[in-house]
Amino acid sequence: MWSHFAFVSLILTFCSGLQALVFWTIRLDFDMSWWIPNLYLLVYPCFFLKSVWRECGSSYKTNMRKEFM
């Protein structure tokens, strides 16, 4: 169950970084003091998404086996 919450949290973190970068790009404001933290919000979830996605899939398969037994 924790993996589902972690996956949603990572996706929302990625989206918040992406939205912030798009906002600053539209405004043509390239101040590094804003870009670096938002790039961090955009990039770091990418390292964990695949492993958390696998965990979500394995917990789903385990739950499906329990239901059919």
Protein backbone atom coordinates (compact mmCIF):
# COMPACT_ATOMS: atom_id res chain seq x y z
CA MET A 1 0.00 0.00 0.00
CA TRP A 2 2.85 2.41 0.79
CA SER A 3 4.15 2.04 -2.75
CA HIS A 4 0.95 3.46 -4.21
CA PHE A 5 1.22 6.58 -2.04
CA ALA A 6 4.93 6.88 -2.84
CA PHE A 7 4.20 6.62 -6.56
CA VAL A 8 1.55 9.35 -6.41
CA SER A 9 3.89 11.52 -4.35
CA LEU A 10 6.72 11.12 -6.88
CA ILE A 11 4.42 11.92 -9.81
CA LEU A 12 3.08 15.05 -8.09
CA THR A 13 6.61 16.18 -7.21
CA PHE A 14 7.68 15.72 -10.84
CA CYS A 15 4.63 17.68 -12.02
CA SER A 16 5.27 20.55 -9.62
CA GLY A 17 8.83 20.92 -10.87
CA LEU A 18 7.66 20.76 -14.47
CA GLN A 19 4.94 23.36 -13.94
CA ALA A 20 7.37 25.72 -12.24
CA LEU A 21 9.92 25.41 -15.04
CA VAL A 22 7.26 25.99 -17.68
CA PHE A 23 6.07 29.07 -15.79
CA TRP A 24 9.57 30.54 -15.60
CA THR A 25 10.16 29.69 -19.27
CA ILE A 26 6.97 31.45 -20.37
CA ARG A 27 8.02 34.52 -18.37
CA LEU A 28 11.52 34.28 -19.90
CA ASP A 29 13.01 34.45 -16.41
CA PHE A 30 16.19 32.39 -16.22
CA ASP A 31 17.32 33.12 -12.68
CA MET A 32 19.30 30.11 -11.43
CA SER A 33 18.08 30.60 -7.86
CA TRP A 34 14.63 29.48 -9.09
CA TRP A 35 15.69 27.03 -11.74
CA ILE A 36 18.00 24.81 -9.67
CA PRO A 37 15.42 23.87 -6.98
CA ASN A 38 12.75 23.29 -9.61
CA LEU A 39 15.09 21.17 -11.73
CA TYR A 40 15.74 19.14 -8.59
CA LEU A 41 11.99 18.64 -8.13
CA LEU A 42 11.76 17.55 -11.76
CA VAL A 43 14.75 15.19 -11.85
CA TYR A 44 14.99 13.37 -8.53
CA PRO A 45 11.63 11.52 -8.78
CA CYS A 46 12.80 9.99 -12.06
CA PHE A 47 15.41 7.92 -10.21
CA PHE A 48 12.77 6.28 -8.00
CA LEU A 49 9.72 5.98 -10.27
CA LYS A 50 10.75 2.71 -11.89
CA SER A 51 11.47 0.88 -8.64
CA VAL A 52 8.30 2.16 -6.96
CA TRP A 53 6.28 1.21 -10.05
CA ARG A 54 7.64 -2.34 -9.82
CA GLU A 55 6.70 -2.45 -6.15
CA CYS A 56 3.17 -1.32 -7.01
CA GLY A 57 2.93 -4.06 -9.62
CA SER A 58 4.23 -6.77 -7.30
CA SER A 59 1.84 -5.75 -4.52
CA TYR A 60 -1.01 -5.79 -7.03
CA LYS A 61 -0.10 -9.32 -8.16
CA THR A 62 0.17 -10.48 -4.55
CA ASN A 63 -3.26 -9.04 -3.73
CA MET A 64 -4.78 -10.67 -6.82
CA ARG A 65 -3.38 -14.07 -5.79
CA LYS A 66 -4.87 -13.69 -2.32
CA GLU A 67 -8.30 -12.89 -3.76
CA PHE A 68 -8.38 -15.98 -5.96
CA MET A 69 -7.23 -18.39 -3.25
